C-alpha atoms as a PDB file:
ATOM      1  CA  MET A   1       0.256   0.058  -0.351  1.00  0.00           C
ATOM      2  CA  LEU A   2       1.095   3.370  -0.930  1.00  0.00           C
ATOM      3  CA  THR A   3       1.742   5.522   1.945  1.00  0.00           C
ATOM      4  CA  PHE A   4       2.602   9.409   2.628  1.00  0.00           C
ATOM      5  CA  GLU A   5       5.730   8.692   3.997  1.00  0.00           C
ATOM      6  CA  LYS A   6       6.970   6.122   1.134  1.00  0.00           C
ATOM      7  CA  VAL A   7       6.186   8.923  -1.367  1.00  0.00           C
ATOM      8  CA  LEU A   8       7.636  11.819   0.285  1.00  0.00           C
ATOM      9  CA  GLU A   9      11.134   9.389   0.493  1.00  0.00           C
ATOM     10  CA  VAL A  10      11.263   8.437  -2.969  1.00  0.00           C
ATOM     11  CA  PHE A  11      10.764  12.236  -4.203  1.00  0.00           C
ATOM     12  CA  GLN A  12      13.027  13.824  -1.280  1.00  0.00           C
ATOM     13  CA  ALA A  13      16.164  13.904  -3.296  1.00  0.00           C
ATOM     14  CA  TYR A  14      14.084  15.790  -5.869  1.00  0.00           C
ATOM     15  CA  LEU A  15      12.392  17.952  -3.240  1.00  0.00           C
ATOM     16  CA  ASP A  16      16.115  18.598  -1.987  1.00  0.00           C
ATOM     17  CA  ASP A  17      17.089  19.607  -5.383  1.00  0.00           C
ATOM     18  CA  ASP A  18      14.640  21.817  -6.391  1.00  0.00           C
ATOM     19  CA  PRO A  19      14.139  24.957  -4.165  1.00  0.00           C
ATOM     20  CA  LEU A  20      11.158  25.793  -5.983  1.00  0.00           C
ATOM     21  CA  TYR A  21       8.849  23.251  -4.336  1.00  0.00           C
ATOM     22  CA  GLU A  22       8.055  21.860  -0.649  1.00  0.00           C
ATOM     23  CA  VAL A  23       5.575  19.583   0.613  1.00  0.00           C
ATOM     24  CA  VAL A  24       4.128  20.926   3.556  1.00  0.00           C
ATOM     25  CA  GLN A  25       1.810  18.469   5.964  1.00  0.00           C
ATOM     26  CA  THR A  26      -1.750  19.751   6.838  1.00  0.00           C
ATOM     27  CA  SER A  27      -4.574  18.453   9.108  1.00  0.00           C
ATOM     28  CA  HIS A  28      -6.336  16.927   5.504  1.00  0.00           C
ATOM     29  CA  GLY A  29      -3.382  15.505   3.909  1.00  0.00           C
ATOM     30  CA  TYR A  30      -0.133  17.503   2.149  1.00  0.00           C
ATOM     31  CA  THR A  31      -0.118  20.413   0.438  1.00  0.00           C
ATOM     32  CA  LEU A  32       2.494  21.069  -2.657  1.00  0.00           C
ATOM     33  CA  MET A  33       3.835  24.355  -2.121  1.00  0.00           C
ATOM     34  CA  ALA A  34       5.849  26.391  -5.171  1.00  0.00           C
ATOM     35  CA  TRP A  35       7.556  29.502  -4.935  1.00  0.00           C
ATOM     36  CA  GLU A  36       6.441  32.285  -7.126  1.00  0.00           C
ATOM     37  CA  PRO A  37       9.152  34.689  -7.958  1.00  0.00           C
ATOM     38  CA  HIS A  38       6.990  37.663  -9.336  1.00  0.00           C
ATOM     39  CA  ARG A  39       5.129  37.284  -5.975  1.00  0.00           C
ATOM     40  CA  ASN A  40       8.157  36.443  -4.021  1.00  0.00           C
ATOM     41  CA  ASP A  41       6.005  34.102  -1.521  1.00  0.00           C
ATOM     42  CA  TRP A  42       4.959  30.760  -1.345  1.00  0.00           C
ATOM     43  CA  TYR A  43       2.009  29.438  -3.285  1.00  0.00           C
ATOM     44  CA  SER A  44      -0.230  26.606  -1.951  1.00  0.00           C
ATOM     45  CA  ALA A  45      -1.429  24.303  -4.730  1.00  0.00           C
ATOM     46  CA  GLU A  46      -4.574  22.225  -4.057  1.00  0.00           C
ATOM     47  CA  ILE A  47      -4.034  19.628  -0.740  1.00  0.00           C
ATOM     48  CA  GLN A  48      -2.850  16.150  -1.751  1.00  0.00           C
ATOM     49  CA  LYS A  49      -5.095  13.769  -0.200  1.00  0.00           C
ATOM     50  CA  THR A  50      -4.568  10.663  -1.056  1.00  0.00           C
ATOM     51  CA  PRO A  51      -0.658   9.392  -1.659  1.00  0.00           C
ATOM     52  CA  GLU A  52      -1.537   8.952  -5.077  1.00  0.00           C
ATOM     53  CA  ASP A  53      -2.493  12.337  -6.013  1.00  0.00           C
ATOM     54  CA  LEU A  54       0.702  13.500  -4.038  1.00  0.00           C
ATOM     55  CA  ARG A  55       2.906  11.150  -6.156  1.00  0.00           C
ATOM     56  CA  ASN A  56       1.238  12.168  -8.981  1.00  0.00           C
ATOM     57  CA  ALA A  57       1.646  16.130  -8.375  1.00  0.00           C
ATOM     58  CA  LEU A  58       5.421  15.352  -7.568  1.00  0.00           C
ATOM     59  CA  LEU A  59       5.913  13.399 -10.854  1.00  0.00           C
ATOM     60  CA  GLY A  60       4.539  16.574 -12.743  1.00  0.00           C
ATOM     61  CA  THR A  61       6.605  19.010 -11.369  1.00  0.00           C
ATOM     62  CA  TYR A  62       9.643  16.483 -11.250  1.00  0.00           C
ATOM     63  CA  ALA A  63       9.492  16.106 -14.933  1.00  0.00           C
ATOM     64  CA  ASN A  64       9.307  19.699 -15.291  1.00  0.00           C
ATOM     65  CA  PHE A  65      12.669  20.410 -13.091  1.00  0.00           C
ATOM     66  CA  LEU A  66      14.103  18.014 -15.471  1.00  0.00           C
ATOM     67  CA  GLU A  67      13.295  19.477 -18.917  1.00  0.00           C
ATOM     68  CA  ASP A  68      14.289  22.646 -17.279  1.00  0.00           C
ATOM     69  CA  LYS A  69      17.979  21.289 -16.069  1.00  0.00           C
ATOM     70  CA  ILE A  70      18.269  19.317 -19.601  1.00  0.00           C
ATOM     71  CA  THR A  71      17.235  22.413 -21.737  1.00  0.00           C
ATOM     72  CA  GLY A  72      17.679  25.513 -19.932  1.00  0.00           C
ATOM     73  CA  ASN A  73      14.206  26.538 -20.770  1.00  0.00           C
ATOM     74  CA  ASP A  74      15.606  27.916 -23.733  1.00  0.00           C
ATOM     75  CA  ARG A  75      14.525  25.078 -26.850  1.00  0.00           C
ATOM     76  CA  ASP A  76      12.438  22.101 -27.044  1.00  0.00           C
ATOM     77  CA  LEU A  77      13.519  18.408 -25.634  1.00  0.00           C
ATOM     78  CA  THR A  78      14.806  16.454 -28.550  1.00  0.00           C
ATOM     79  CA  VAL A  79      13.039  12.858 -28.750  1.00  0.00           C
ATOM     80  CA  THR A  80      16.006  11.185 -27.031  1.00  0.00           C
ATOM     81  CA  GLU A  81      15.773  13.690 -23.986  1.00  0.00           C
ATOM     82  CA  ALA A  82      11.618  13.100 -23.551  1.00  0.00           C
ATOM     83  CA  GLU A  83      12.586   9.473 -23.501  1.00  0.00           C
ATOM     84  CA  GLU A  84      15.271   9.954 -20.525  1.00  0.00           C
ATOM     85  CA  ILE A  85      12.717  12.077 -18.377  1.00  0.00           C
ATOM     86  CA  GLN A  86       9.861   9.277 -19.103  1.00  0.00           C
ATOM     87  CA  GLN A  87      12.265   6.631 -18.264  1.00  0.00           C
ATOM     88  CA  ARG A  88      13.147   8.352 -14.905  1.00  0.00           C
ATOM     89  CA  CYS A  89       9.799   9.307 -14.071  1.00  0.00           C
ATOM     90  CA  ARG A  90       8.938   5.746 -14.378  1.00  0.00           C
ATOM     91  CA  GLU A  91      11.822   4.522 -12.169  1.00  0.00           C
ATOM     92  CA  LEU A  92      10.255   6.710  -9.510  1.00  0.00           C
ATOM     93  CA  LEU A  93       7.068   5.215  -9.910  1.00  0.00           C
ATOM     94  CA  GLU A  94       8.397   1.914  -9.765  1.00  0.00           C
ATOM     95  CA  LYS A  95      10.457   2.864  -6.190  1.00  0.00           C
ATOM     96  CA  CYS A  96       6.958   4.085  -5.054  1.00  0.00           C
ATOM     97  CA  ARG A  97       5.415   0.630  -5.643  1.00  0.00           C
ATOM     98  CA  GLU A  98       8.529  -1.218  -3.812  1.00  0.00           C
ATOM     99  CA  THR A  99       7.464  -1.817   0.009  1.00  0.00           C
END
């Protein structure tokens, strides 16, 4: 069974590397916080009520993080680069399934 703790364990290295995202525990689940430079403040995305919701939200931000890291946000991904990101996301999904 997937738990919030397992999701956070799997994604911890990513969260440590990306200062623009942070996960905060709330009374109703977890919230993925995003840093908004133009507001100079944290933006609270919607509450992730299940571990699967949190995992999916983090996968999306992780894929964007990898794309920015690879391309520097100044060009489109090549097919090979897109496949690499997909593979790394699949690996994280697999780690979430491990108990």
